[in-house]
PDB file of all heavy atoms in Angstrom:
ATOM      1  N   VAL A   1      85.074 -52.146 -61.578  1.00  0.00           N
ATOM      2  CA  VAL A   1      85.831 -50.912 -61.760  1.00  0.00           C
ATOM      3  C   VAL A   1      86.555 -50.929 -63.107  1.00  0.00           C
ATOM      4  O   VAL A   1      86.627 -49.914 -63.809  1.00  0.00           O
ATOM      5  CB  VAL A   1      86.822 -50.706 -60.596  1.00  0.00           C
ATOM      6  CG1 VAL A   1      87.727 -49.501 -60.841  1.00  0.00           C
ATOM      7  CG2 VAL A   1      86.062 -50.531 -59.282  1.00  0.00           C
ATOM      8  N   ARG A   2      87.045 -52.097 -63.495  1.00  0.00           N
ATOM      9  CA  ARG A   2      87.694 -52.234 -64.812  1.00  0.00           C
ATOM     10  C   ARG A   2      86.680 -52.047 -65.926  1.00  0.00           C
ATOM     11  O   ARG A   2      86.952 -51.351 -66.923  1.00  0.00           O
ATOM     12  CB  ARG A   2      88.359 -53.602 -64.923  1.00  0.00           C
ATOM     13  CG  ARG A   2      89.123 -53.805 -66.245  1.00  0.00           C
ATOM     14  CD  ARG A   2      89.810 -55.151 -66.317  1.00  0.00           C
ATOM     15  NE  ARG A   2      90.859 -55.285 -65.315  1.00  0.00           N
ATOM     16  CZ  ARG A   2      90.777 -56.063 -64.251  1.00  0.00           C
ATOM     17  NH1 ARG A   2      89.670 -56.806 -64.035  1.00  0.00           N
ATOM     18  NH2 ARG A   2      91.772 -56.133 -63.397  1.00  0.00           N
ATOM     19  N   ALA A   3      85.491 -52.642 -65.773  1.00  0.00           N
ATOM     20  CA  ALA A   3      84.453 -52.495 -66.789  1.00  0.00           C
ATOM     21  C   ALA A   3      84.002 -51.043 -66.925  1.00  0.00           C
ATOM     22  O   ALA A   3      83.644 -50.595 -68.017  1.00  0.00           O
ATOM     23  CB  ALA A   3      83.254 -53.385 -66.441  1.00  0.00           C
ATOM     24  N   ALA A   4      84.043 -50.309 -65.818  1.00  0.00           N
ATOM     25  CA  ALA A   4      83.660 -48.900 -65.846  1.00  0.00           C
ATOM     26  C   ALA A   4      84.671 -48.048 -66.605  1.00  0.00           C
ATOM     27  O   ALA A   4      84.333 -46.949 -67.067  1.00  0.00           O
ATOM     28  CB  ALA A   4      83.515 -48.378 -64.414  1.00  0.00           C
ATOM     29  N   GLY A   5      85.893 -48.530 -66.727  1.00  0.00           N
ATOM     30  CA  GLY A   5      86.930 -47.737 -67.382  1.00  0.00           C
ATOM     31  C   GLY A   5      87.362 -46.542 -66.565  1.00  0.00           C
ATOM     32  O   GLY A   5      87.847 -45.543 -67.111  1.00  0.00           O
ATOM     33  N   LEU A   6      87.195 -46.647 -65.234  1.00  0.00           N
ATOM     34  CA  LEU A   6      87.539 -45.529 -64.350  1.00  0.00           C
ATOM     35  C   LEU A   6      89.041 -45.269 -64.382  1.00  0.00           C
ATOM     36  O   LEU A   6      89.847 -46.159 -64.150  1.00  0.00           O
ATOM     37  CB  LEU A   6      87.092 -45.835 -62.921  1.00  0.00           C
ATOM     38  CG  LEU A   6      87.403 -44.774 -61.864  1.00  0.00           C
ATOM     39  CD1 LEU A   6      86.667 -43.465 -62.136  1.00  0.00           C
ATOM     40  CD2 LEU A   6      87.051 -45.299 -60.467  1.00  0.00           C
ATOM     41  N   ARG A   7      89.390 -44.020 -64.668  1.00  0.00           N
ATOM     42  CA  ARG A   7      90.782 -43.592 -64.654  1.00  0.00           C
ATOM     43  C   ARG A   7      90.988 -42.571 -63.549  1.00  0.00           C
ATOM     44  O   ARG A   7      90.076 -41.833 -63.194  1.00  0.00           O
ATOM     45  CB  ARG A   7      91.176 -43.006 -66.017  1.00  0.00           C
ATOM     46  CG  ARG A   7      91.109 -44.013 -67.148  1.00  0.00           C
ATOM     47  CD  ARG A   7      91.325 -43.398 -68.510  1.00  0.00           C
ATOM     48  NE  ARG A   7      92.677 -42.866 -68.682  1.00  0.00           N
ATOM     49  CZ  ARG A   7      93.186 -42.499 -69.869  1.00  0.00           C
ATOM     50  NH1 ARG A   7      92.467 -42.655 -70.963  1.00  0.00           N
ATOM     51  NH2 ARG A   7      94.409 -42.016 -69.953  1.00  0.00           N
ATOM     52  N   GLY A   8      92.192 -42.564 -63.000  1.00  0.00           N
ATOM     53  CA  GLY A   8      92.493 -41.659 -61.896  1.00  0.00           C
ATOM     54  C   GLY A   8      92.189 -40.216 -62.237  1.00  0.00           C
ATOM     55  O   GLY A   8      92.589 -39.714 -63.295  1.00  0.00           O
ATOM     56  N   ARG A   9      91.486 -39.547 -61.335  1.00  0.00           N
ATOM     57  CA  ARG A   9      91.055 -38.173 -61.566  1.00  0.00           C
ATOM     58  C   ARG A   9      91.995 -37.148 -60.950  1.00  0.00           C
ATOM     59  O   ARG A   9      91.655 -35.967 -60.910  1.00  0.00           O
ATOM     60  CB  ARG A   9      89.643 -37.975 -61.004  1.00  0.00           C
ATOM     61  CG  ARG A   9      88.549 -38.846 -61.628  1.00  0.00           C
ATOM     62  CD  ARG A   9      88.447 -38.627 -63.122  1.00  0.00           C
ATOM     63  NE  ARG A   9      87.118 -38.991 -63.654  1.00  0.00           N
ATOM     64  CZ  ARG A   9      86.876 -39.954 -64.472  1.00  0.00           C
ATOM     65  NH1 ARG A   9      87.884 -40.704 -64.886  1.00  0.00           N
ATOM     66  NH2 ARG A   9      85.653 -40.189 -64.917  1.00  0.00           N
ATOM     67  N   GLY A  10      93.154 -37.580 -60.499  1.00  0.00           N
ATOM     68  CA  GLY A  10      94.094 -36.649 -59.897  1.00  0.00           C
ATOM     69  C   GLY A  10      95.010 -35.956 -60.877  1.00  0.00           C
ATOM     70  O   GLY A  10      95.765 -35.065 -60.507  1.00  0.00           O
ATOM     71  N   GLY A  11      94.969 -36.367 -62.155  1.00  0.00           N
ATOM     72  CA  GLY A  11      95.804 -35.722 -63.163  1.00  0.00           C
ATOM     73  C   GLY A  11      96.466 -36.692 -64.124  1.00  0.00           C
ATOM     74  O   GLY A  11      96.562 -36.432 -65.312  1.00  0.00           O
ATOM     75  N   ALA A  12      96.924 -37.843 -63.617  1.00  0.00           N
ATOM     76  CA  ALA A  12      97.643 -38.787 -64.465  1.00  0.00           C
ATOM     77  C   ALA A  12      96.716 -39.602 -65.358  1.00  0.00           C
ATOM     78  O   ALA A  12      97.114 -40.064 -66.430  1.00  0.00           O
ATOM     79  CB  ALA A  12      98.501 -39.715 -63.612  1.00  0.00           C
ATOM     80  N   GLY A  13      95.488 -39.841 -64.915  1.00  0.00           N
ATOM     81  CA  GLY A  13      94.540 -40.607 -65.704  1.00  0.00           C
ATOM     82  C   GLY A  13      94.877 -42.080 -65.817  1.00  0.00           C
ATOM     83  O   GLY A  13      94.507 -42.741 -66.787  1.00  0.00           O
ATOM     84  N   PHE A  14      95.565 -42.632 -64.802  1.00  0.00           N
ATOM     85  CA  PHE A  14      95.969 -44.040 -64.844  1.00  0.00           C
ATOM     86  C   PHE A  14      94.764 -44.921 -64.506  1.00  0.00           C
ATOM     87  O   PHE A  14      93.992 -44.613 -63.605  1.00  0.00           O
ATOM     88  CB  PHE A  14      97.103 -44.288 -63.853  1.00  0.00           C
ATOM     89  CG  PHE A  14      97.806 -45.598 -64.044  1.00  0.00           C
ATOM     90  CD1 PHE A  14      98.798 -45.731 -65.007  1.00  0.00           C
ATOM     91  CD2 PHE A  14      97.484 -46.696 -63.262  1.00  0.00           C
ATOM     92  CE1 PHE A  14      99.432 -46.945 -65.187  1.00  0.00           C
ATOM     93  CE2 PHE A  14      98.117 -47.909 -63.437  1.00  0.00           C
ATOM     94  CZ  PHE A  14      99.098 -48.036 -64.409  1.00  0.00           C
ATOM     95  N   PRO A  15      94.571 -46.039 -65.219  1.00  0.00           N
ATOM     96  CA  PRO A  15      93.427 -46.920 -64.938  1.00  0.00           C
ATOM     97  C   PRO A  15      93.397 -47.388 -63.483  1.00  0.00           C
ATOM     98  O   PRO A  15      94.363 -47.981 -62.994  1.00  0.00           O
ATOM     99  CB  PRO A  15      93.642 -48.089 -65.903  1.00  0.00           C
ATOM    100  CG  PRO A  15      94.447 -47.511 -67.026  1.00  0.00           C
ATOM    101  CD  PRO A  15      95.345 -46.500 -66.388  1.00  0.00           C
ATOM    102  N   THR A  16      92.293 -47.142 -62.805  1.00  0.00           N
ATOM    103  CA  THR A  16      92.193 -47.408 -61.373  1.00  0.00           C
ATOM    104  C   THR A  16      92.298 -48.894 -61.052  1.00  0.00           C
ATOM    105  O   THR A  16      92.976 -49.286 -60.098  1.00  0.00           O
ATOM    106  CB  THR A  16      90.874 -46.836 -60.826  1.00  0.00           C
ATOM    107  OG1 THR A  16      90.825 -45.431 -61.090  1.00  0.00           O
ATOM    108  CG2 THR A  16      90.746 -47.071 -59.329  1.00  0.00           C
ATOM    109  N   ALA A  17      91.634 -49.732 -61.826  1.00  0.00           N
ATOM    110  CA  ALA A  17      91.674 -51.174 -61.569  1.00  0.00           C
ATOM    111  C   ALA A  17      93.090 -51.715 -61.692  1.00  0.00           C
ATOM    112  O   ALA A  17      93.496 -52.599 -60.927  1.00  0.00           O
ATOM    113  CB  ALA A  17      90.732 -51.906 -62.528  1.00  0.00           C
ATOM    114  N   VAL A  18      93.840 -51.199 -62.650  1.00  0.00           N
ATOM    115  CA  VAL A  18      95.232 -51.625 -62.816  1.00  0.00           C
ATOM    116  C   VAL A  18      96.053 -51.213 -61.609  1.00  0.00           C
ATOM    117  O   VAL A  18      96.872 -51.985 -61.095  1.00  0.00           O
ATOM    118  CB  VAL A  18      95.832 -51.040 -64.114  1.00  0.00           C
ATOM    119  CG1 VAL A  18      97.314 -51.399 -64.228  1.00  0.00           C
ATOM    120  CG2 VAL A  18      95.074 -51.556 -65.337  1.00  0.00           C
ATOM    121  N   LYS A  19      95.855 -49.991 -61.137  1.00  0.00           N
ATOM    122  CA  LYS A  19      96.591 -49.500 -59.975  1.00  0.00           C
ATOM    123  C   LYS A  19      96.304 -50.351 -58.744  1.00  0.00           C
ATOM    124  O   LYS A  19      97.209 -50.691 -57.991  1.00  0.00           O
ATOM    125  CB  LYS A  19      96.228 -48.038 -59.710  1.00  0.00           C
ATOM    126  CG  LYS A  19      97.119 -47.356 -58.686  1.00  0.00           C
ATOM    127  CD  LYS A  19      96.841 -45.853 -58.629  1.00  0.00           C
ATOM    128  CE  LYS A  19      97.899 -45.122 -57.839  1.00  0.00           C
ATOM    129  NZ  LYS A  19      97.695 -43.643 -57.838  1.00  0.00           N
ATOM    130  N   TRP A  20      95.032 -50.701 -58.544  1.00  0.00           N
ATOM    131  CA  TRP A  20      94.684 -51.554 -57.414  1.00  0.00           C
ATOM    132  C   TRP A  20      95.371 -52.911 -57.523  1.00  0.00           C
ATOM    133  O   TRP A  20      95.718 -53.533 -56.518  1.00  0.00           O
ATOM    134  CB  TRP A  20      93.170 -51.746 -57.341  1.00  0.00           C
ATOM    135  CG  TRP A  20      92.401 -50.531 -56.920  1.00  0.00           C
ATOM    136  CD1 TRP A  20      92.912 -49.282 -56.659  1.00  0.00           C
ATOM    137  CD2 TRP A  20      91.004 -50.418 -56.718  1.00  0.00           C
ATOM    138  NE1 TRP A  20      91.915 -48.416 -56.310  1.00  0.00           N
ATOM    139  CE2 TRP A  20      90.720 -49.098 -56.336  1.00  0.00           C
ATOM    140  CE3 TRP A  20      89.939 -51.331 -56.823  1.00  0.00           C
ATOM    141  CZ2 TRP A  20      89.434 -48.652 -56.063  1.00  0.00           C
ATOM    142  CZ3 TRP A  20      88.648 -50.897 -56.544  1.00  0.00           C
ATOM    143  CH2 TRP A  20      88.412 -49.562 -56.165  1.00  0.00           C
ATOM    144  N   GLY A  21      95.563 -53.371 -58.745  1.00  0.00           N
ATOM    145  CA  GLY A  21      96.193 -54.667 -58.961  1.00  0.00           C
ATOM    146  C   GLY A  21      97.665 -54.714 -58.605  1.00  0.00           C
ATOM    147  O   GLY A  21      98.238 -55.804 -58.500  1.00  0.00           O
ATOM    148  N   PHE A  22      98.295 -53.547 -58.411  1.00  0.00           N
ATOM    149  CA  PHE A  22      99.707 -53.505 -58.039  1.00  0.00           C
ATOM    150  C   PHE A  22      99.938 -53.885 -56.579  1.00  0.00           C
ATOM    151  O   PHE A  22     101.062 -54.209 -56.191  1.00  0.00           O
ATOM    152  CB  PHE A  22     100.290 -52.113 -58.274  1.00  0.00           C
ATOM    153  CG  PHE A  22     100.406 -51.714 -59.723  1.00  0.00           C
ATOM    154  CD1 PHE A  22     100.367 -50.380 -60.094  1.00  0.00           C
ATOM    155  CD2 PHE A  22     100.533 -52.666 -60.712  1.00  0.00           C
ATOM    156  CE1 PHE A  22     100.466 -50.002 -61.427  1.00  0.00           C
ATOM    157  CE2 PHE A  22     100.638 -52.305 -62.047  1.00  0.00           C
ATOM    158  CZ  PHE A  22     100.602 -50.969 -62.397  1.00  0.00           C
ATOM    159  N   MET A  23      98.895 -53.821 -55.757  1.00  0.00           N
ATOM    160  CA  MET A  23      99.062 -54.140 -54.344  1.00  0.00           C
ATOM    161  C   MET A  23      99.337 -55.624 -54.162  1.00  0.00           C
ATOM    162  O   MET A  23      98.703 -56.472 -54.795  1.00  0.00           O
ATOM    163  CB  MET A  23      97.817 -53.741 -53.563  1.00  0.00           C
ATOM    164  CG  MET A  23      97.645 -52.244 -53.419  1.00  0.00           C
ATOM    165  SD  MET A  23      98.881 -51.462 -52.354  1.00  0.00           S
ATOM    166  CE  MET A  23      98.281 -51.951 -50.733  1.00  0.00           C
ATOM    167  N   PRO A  24     100.296 -55.957 -53.287  1.00  0.00           N
ATOM    168  CA  PRO A  24     100.603 -57.377 -53.054  1.00  0.00           C
ATOM    169  C   PRO A  24      99.409 -58.115 -52.458  1.00  0.00           C
ATOM    170  O   PRO A  24      98.691 -57.574 -51.624  1.00  0.00           O
ATOM    171  CB  PRO A  24     101.784 -57.330 -52.083  1.00  0.00           C
ATOM    172  CG  PRO A  24     101.716 -55.981 -51.433  1.00  0.00           C
ATOM    173  CD  PRO A  24     101.140 -55.061 -52.464  1.00  0.00           C
ATOM    174  N   LYS A  25      99.201 -59.326 -52.903  1.00  0.00           N
ATOM    175  CA  LYS A  25      98.046 -60.106 -52.466  1.00  0.00           C
ATOM    176  C   LYS A  25      98.216 -60.695 -51.070  1.00  0.00           C
ATOM    177  O   LYS A  25      97.266 -60.882 -50.342  1.00  0.00           O
ATOM    178  CB  LYS A  25      97.766 -61.225 -53.477  1.00  0.00           C
ATOM    179  CG  LYS A  25      97.405 -60.722 -54.879  1.00  0.00           C
ATOM    180  CD  LYS A  25      96.107 -59.944 -54.868  1.00  0.00           C
ATOM    181  CE  LYS A  25      95.658 -59.593 -56.289  1.00  0.00           C
ATOM    182  NZ  LYS A  25      96.525 -58.551 -56.890  1.00  0.00           N
ATOM    183  N   ALA A  26      99.429 -61.024 -50.693  1.00  0.00           N
ATOM    184  CA  ALA A  26      99.655 -61.647 -49.386  1.00  0.00           C
ATOM    185  C   ALA A  26     100.835 -60.972 -48.700  1.00  0.00           C
ATOM    186  O   ALA A  26     101.959 -61.451 -48.756  1.00  0.00           O
ATOM    187  CB  ALA A  26      99.905 -63.147 -49.548  1.00  0.00           C
ATOM    188  N   HIS A  27     100.566 -59.846 -48.077  1.00  0.00           N
ATOM    189  CA  HIS A  27     101.605 -59.098 -47.364  1.00  0.00           C
ATOM    190  C   HIS A  27     101.437 -59.313 -45.869  1.00  0.00           C
ATOM    191  O   HIS A  27     100.338 -59.144 -45.320  1.00  0.00           O
ATOM    192  CB  HIS A  27     101.512 -57.613 -47.708  1.00  0.00           C
ATOM    193  CG  HIS A  27     102.565 -56.787 -47.063  1.00  0.00           C
ATOM    194  ND1 HIS A  27     103.899 -56.838 -47.427  1.00  0.00           N
ATOM    195  CD2 HIS A  27     102.481 -55.871 -46.053  1.00  0.00           C
ATOM    196  CE1 HIS A  27     104.591 -56.002 -46.679  1.00  0.00           C
ATOM    197  NE2 HIS A  27     103.759 -55.408 -45.837  1.00  0.00           N
ATOM    198  N   ALA A  28     102.515 -59.668 -45.207  1.00  0.00           N
ATOM    199  CA  ALA A  28     102.441 -60.016 -43.781  1.00  0.00           C
ATOM    200  C   ALA A  28     102.178 -58.806 -42.898  1.00  0.00           C
ATOM    201  O   ALA A  28     101.564 -58.918 -41.838  1.00  0.00           O
ATOM    202  CB  ALA A  28     103.734 -60.701 -43.351  1.00  0.00           C
ATOM    203  N   GLY A  29     102.626 -57.614 -43.310  1.00  0.00           N
ATOM    204  CA  GLY A  29     102.483 -56.422 -42.479  1.00  0.00           C
ATOM    205  C   GLY A  29     101.268 -55.585 -42.847  1.00  0.00           C
ATOM    206  O   GLY A  29     100.385 -56.003 -43.590  1.00  0.00           O
ATOM    207  N   GLN A  30     101.232 -54.380 -42.324  1.00  0.00           N
ATOM    208  CA  GLN A  30     100.158 -53.445 -42.566  1.00  0.00           C
ATOM    209  C   GLN A  30     100.225 -52.890 -43.984  1.00  0.00           C
ATOM    210  O   GLN A  30     101.307 -52.654 -44.518  1.00  0.00           O
ATOM    211  CB  GLN A  30     100.233 -52.287 -41.555  1.00  0.00           C
ATOM    212  CG  GLN A  30      99.156 -51.243 -41.690  1.00  0.00           C
ATOM    213  CD  GLN A  30      97.782 -51.792 -41.345  1.00  0.00           C
ATOM    214  OE1 GLN A  30      97.529 -52.231 -40.247  1.00  0.00           O
ATOM    215  NE2 GLN A  30      96.881 -51.748 -42.320  1.00  0.00           N
ATOM    216  N   THR A  31      99.088 -52.680 -44.598  1.00  0.00           N
ATOM    217  CA  THR A  31      99.006 -51.977 -45.882  1.00  0.00           C
ATOM    218  C   THR A  31      98.073 -50.779 -45.715  1.00  0.00           C
ATOM    219  O   THR A  31      97.248 -50.741 -44.794  1.00  0.00           O
ATOM    220  CB  THR A  31      98.497 -52.900 -47.002  1.00  0.00           C
ATOM    221  OG1 THR A  31      97.237 -53.478 -46.608  1.00  0.00           O
ATOM    222  CG2 THR A  31      99.488 -54.012 -47.287  1.00  0.00           C
ATOM    223  N   TYR A  32      98.186 -49.800 -46.627  1.00  0.00           N
ATOM    224  CA  TYR A  32      97.455 -48.550 -46.456  1.00  0.00           C
ATOM    225  C   TYR A  32      96.772 -48.114 -47.752  1.00  0.00           C
ATOM    226  O   TYR A  32      97.270 -48.346 -48.858  1.00  0.00           O
ATOM    227  CB  TYR A  32      98.401 -47.431 -46.012  1.00  0.00           C
ATOM    228  CG  TYR A  32      99.063 -47.672 -44.666  1.00  0.00           C
ATOM    229  CD1 TYR A  32     100.365 -48.174 -44.598  1.00  0.00           C
ATOM    230  CD2 TYR A  32      98.397 -47.396 -43.486  1.00  0.00           C
ATOM    231  CE1 TYR A  32     100.983 -48.385 -43.379  1.00  0.00           C
ATOM    232  CE2 TYR A  32      99.009 -47.607 -42.253  1.00  0.00           C
ATOM    233  CZ  TYR A  32     100.303 -48.101 -42.207  1.00  0.00           C
ATOM    234  OH  TYR A  32     100.912 -48.308 -40.994  1.00  0.00           O
ATOM    235  N   LEU A  33      95.632 -47.439 -47.557  1.00  0.00           N
ATOM    236  CA  LEU A  33      94.946 -46.734 -48.635  1.00  0.00           C
ATOM    237  C   LEU A  33      94.910 -45.261 -48.263  1.00  0.00           C
ATOM    238  O   LEU A  33      94.467 -44.901 -47.171  1.00  0.00           O
ATOM    239  CB  LEU A  33      93.524 -47.268 -48.813  1.00  0.00           C
ATOM    240  CG  LEU A  33      92.628 -46.497 -49.806  1.00  0.00           C
ATOM    241  CD1 LEU A  33      93.180 -46.579 -51.220  1.00  0.00           C
ATOM    242  CD2 LEU A  33      91.191 -47.017 -49.752  1.00  0.00           C
ATOM    243  N   ILE A  34      95.371 -44.416 -49.170  1.00  0.00           N
ATOM    244  CA  ILE A  34      95.393 -42.974 -48.917  1.00  0.00           C
ATOM    245  C   ILE A  34      94.580 -42.260 -49.988  1.00  0.00           C
ATOM    246  O   ILE A  34      94.742 -42.504 -51.182  1.00  0.00           O
ATOM    247  CB  ILE A  34      96.834 -42.432 -48.899  1.00  0.00           C
ATOM    248  CG1 ILE A  34      97.618 -43.058 -47.735  1.00  0.00           C
ATOM    249  CG2 ILE A  34      96.840 -40.914 -48.772  1.00  0.00           C
ATOM    250  CD1 ILE A  34      99.086 -42.690 -47.719  1.00  0.00           C
TER     251      ILE A  34
END
């Protein structure tokens, strides 16, 4: 996804791979994708 250079298509154009990287790697509770 980083190699593709995919940027968010909702308006902000933020790099998608970077955004995914913000999610905690080891979270004890539930996490969500919307």
